[in-house]
C-alpha atoms as a PDB file:
ATOM      1  CA  MET A   1      97.849  75.803  90.091  1.00  0.00           C
ATOM      2  CA  ILE A   2      98.535  80.005  89.691  1.00  0.00           C
ATOM      3  CA  LYS A   3      98.619  80.963  93.075  1.00  0.00           C
ATOM      4  CA  HIS A   4     101.070  77.860  94.092  1.00  0.00           C
ATOM      5  CA  HIS A   5     103.315  78.744  91.002  1.00  0.00           C
ATOM      6  CA  ASP A   6     103.338  82.265  92.566  1.00  0.00           C
ATOM      7  CA  ILE A   7     103.972  81.501  96.477  1.00  0.00           C
ATOM      8  CA  LEU A   8     106.960  79.010  94.855  1.00  0.00           C
ATOM      9  CA  SER A   9     108.267  81.598  92.954  1.00  0.00           C
ATOM     10  CA  ALA A  10     108.607  83.861  95.328  1.00  0.00           C
ATOM     11  CA  GLN A  11     110.226  81.101  97.253  1.00  0.00           C
ATOM     12  CA  TRP A  12     112.494  80.813  94.810  1.00  0.00           C
ATOM     13  CA  ASP A  13     113.480  84.404  94.651  1.00  0.00           C
ATOM     14  CA  LEU A  14     113.603  85.097  98.345  1.00  0.00           C
ATOM     15  CA  ALA A  15     116.390  81.698  98.077  1.00  0.00           C
ATOM     16  CA  VAL A  16     118.190  83.221  95.698  1.00  0.00           C
ATOM     17  CA  LYS A  17     118.289  86.910  97.078  1.00  0.00           C
ATOM     18  CA  ARG A  18     119.333  85.144 100.875  1.00  0.00           C
ATOM     19  CA  ASP A  19     122.260  83.174  99.428  1.00  0.00           C
ATOM     20  CA  PRO A  20     123.379  84.175  95.509  1.00  0.00           C
ATOM     21  CA  MET A  21     126.086  81.822  95.313  1.00  0.00           C
ATOM     22  CA  ASN A  22     123.934  78.607  95.986  1.00  0.00           C
ATOM     23  CA  GLY A  23     120.242  79.713  94.665  1.00  0.00           C
ATOM     24  CA  ALA A  24     117.409  78.203  95.244  1.00  0.00           C
ATOM     25  CA  PRO A  25     117.489  74.063  96.523  1.00  0.00           C
ATOM     26  CA  THR A  26     116.647  71.778  94.236  1.00  0.00           C
ATOM     27  CA  ASN A  27     113.648  70.587  95.261  1.00  0.00           C
ATOM     28  CA  LEU A  28     112.389  74.214  95.014  1.00  0.00           C
ATOM     29  CA  ILE A  29     113.564  74.289  91.988  1.00  0.00           C
ATOM     30  CA  GLN A  30     111.858  70.880  90.779  1.00  0.00           C
ATOM     31  CA  LYS A  31     108.838  71.598  91.843  1.00  0.00           C
ATOM     32  CA  THR A  32     108.679  74.696  90.403  1.00  0.00           C
ATOM     33  CA  SER A  33     109.524  73.577  86.999  1.00  0.00           C
ATOM     34  CA  ASP A  34     106.958  70.529  87.403  1.00  0.00           C
ATOM     35  CA  LEU A  35     104.537  73.461  87.968  1.00  0.00           C
ATOM     36  CA  GLN A  36     105.188  75.014  84.982  1.00  0.00           C
ATOM     37  CA  ARG A  37     104.860  72.394  82.970  1.00  0.00           C
ATOM     38  CA  LYS A  38     101.304  71.128  84.333  1.00  0.00           C
ATOM     39  CA  ILE A  39     100.391  74.514  83.748  1.00  0.00           C
ATOM     40  CA  ILE A  40     101.308  75.080  80.499  1.00  0.00           C
ATOM     41  CA  ALA A  41      99.390  71.797  79.354  1.00  0.00           C
ATOM     42  CA  THR A  42      96.243  72.376  81.436  1.00  0.00           C
ATOM     43  CA  CYS A  43      93.904  74.327  78.941  1.00  0.00           C
ATOM     44  CA  ALA A  44      92.702  78.153  79.426  1.00  0.00           C
ATOM     45  CA  PHE A  45      89.096  78.811  79.374  1.00  0.00           C
ATOM     46  CA  THR A  46      88.925  82.475  80.250  1.00  0.00           C
ATOM     47  CA  SER A  47      91.085  85.481  79.775  1.00  0.00           C
ATOM     48  CA  LYS A  48      92.393  85.820  83.442  1.00  0.00           C
ATOM     49  CA  GLY A  49      93.433  81.730  82.891  1.00  0.00           C
ATOM     50  CA  LEU A  50      95.608  83.123  79.842  1.00  0.00           C
ATOM     51  CA  ASP A  51      97.049  85.604  80.975  1.00  0.00           C
ATOM     52  CA  ALA A  52      98.070  84.685  84.029  1.00  0.00           C
ATOM     53  CA  LYS A  53      99.654  81.124  81.486  1.00  0.00           C
ATOM     54  CA  LEU A  54     101.573  83.844  79.744  1.00  0.00           C
ATOM     55  CA  ARG A  55     102.751  85.159  82.628  1.00  0.00           C
ATOM     56  CA  ILE A  56     104.105  82.025  83.731  1.00  0.00           C
ATOM     57  CA  VAL A  57     105.390  81.009  80.626  1.00  0.00           C
ATOM     58  CA  ARG A  58     107.571  84.326  80.318  1.00  0.00           C
ATOM     59  CA  HIS A  59     108.870  84.015  83.425  1.00  0.00           C
ATOM     60  CA  ALA A  60     109.892  79.960  82.745  1.00  0.00           C
ATOM     61  CA  GLU A  61     111.885  81.550  79.811  1.00  0.00           C
ATOM     62  CA  PHE A  62     110.894  78.267  78.028  1.00  0.00           C
ATOM     63  CA  ASP A  63     112.775  77.064  74.735  1.00  0.00           C
ATOM     64  CA  ASP A  64     110.019  76.828  72.326  1.00  0.00           C
ATOM     65  CA  ASP A  65     112.081  75.251  69.304  1.00  0.00           C
ATOM     66  CA  ASP A  66     109.760  72.755  68.522  1.00  0.00           C
ATOM     67  CA  GLY A  67     106.583  75.300  68.428  1.00  0.00           C
ATOM     68  CA  ILE A  68     104.692  73.055  71.147  1.00  0.00           C
ATOM     69  CA  ILE A  69     104.281  76.032  73.646  1.00  0.00           C
ATOM     70  CA  ALA A  70     103.072  78.326  70.784  1.00  0.00           C
ATOM     71  CA  ALA A  71     100.618  76.281  69.686  1.00  0.00           C
ATOM     72  CA  ILE A  72      98.806  75.252  73.121  1.00  0.00           C
ATOM     73  CA  LEU A  73      98.686  79.220  73.356  1.00  0.00           C
ATOM     74  CA  GLU A  74      97.343  79.557  70.429  1.00  0.00           C
ATOM     75  CA  LEU A  75      94.667  76.771  71.031  1.00  0.00           C
ATOM     76  CA  ASP A  76      93.856  78.950  74.347  1.00  0.00           C
ATOM     77  CA  ALA A  77      93.776  82.076  72.813  1.00  0.00           C
ATOM     78  CA  LYS A  78      91.216  80.499  70.077  1.00  0.00           C
ATOM     79  CA  ARG A  79      89.248  78.970  73.110  1.00  0.00           C
ATOM     80  CA  VAL A  80      89.074  81.810  75.030  1.00  0.00           C
ATOM     81  CA  ALA A  81      87.992  84.048  72.467  1.00  0.00           C
ATOM     82  CA  ALA A  82      85.248  81.212  71.288  1.00  0.00           C
ATOM     83  CA  ARG A  83      83.305  82.274  74.950  1.00  0.00           C
END
């Protein structure tokens, strides 16, 4: 999932670079956003996976007013530390 996200993100950046006034196509934005949510919801079991997940969270700039993402990341960190 992370590699797929990186590909979509690169395509998004390229689309914006090519046409800054219109940005990325709606379907690309939707695919990327859907994948970001799936990545957040998927448990991280390794430090590499957790690092990748943290990178996606920072890149997505999610609003986390209710603390759900923070709680997920905390559980992931505990899971990784226990291994």
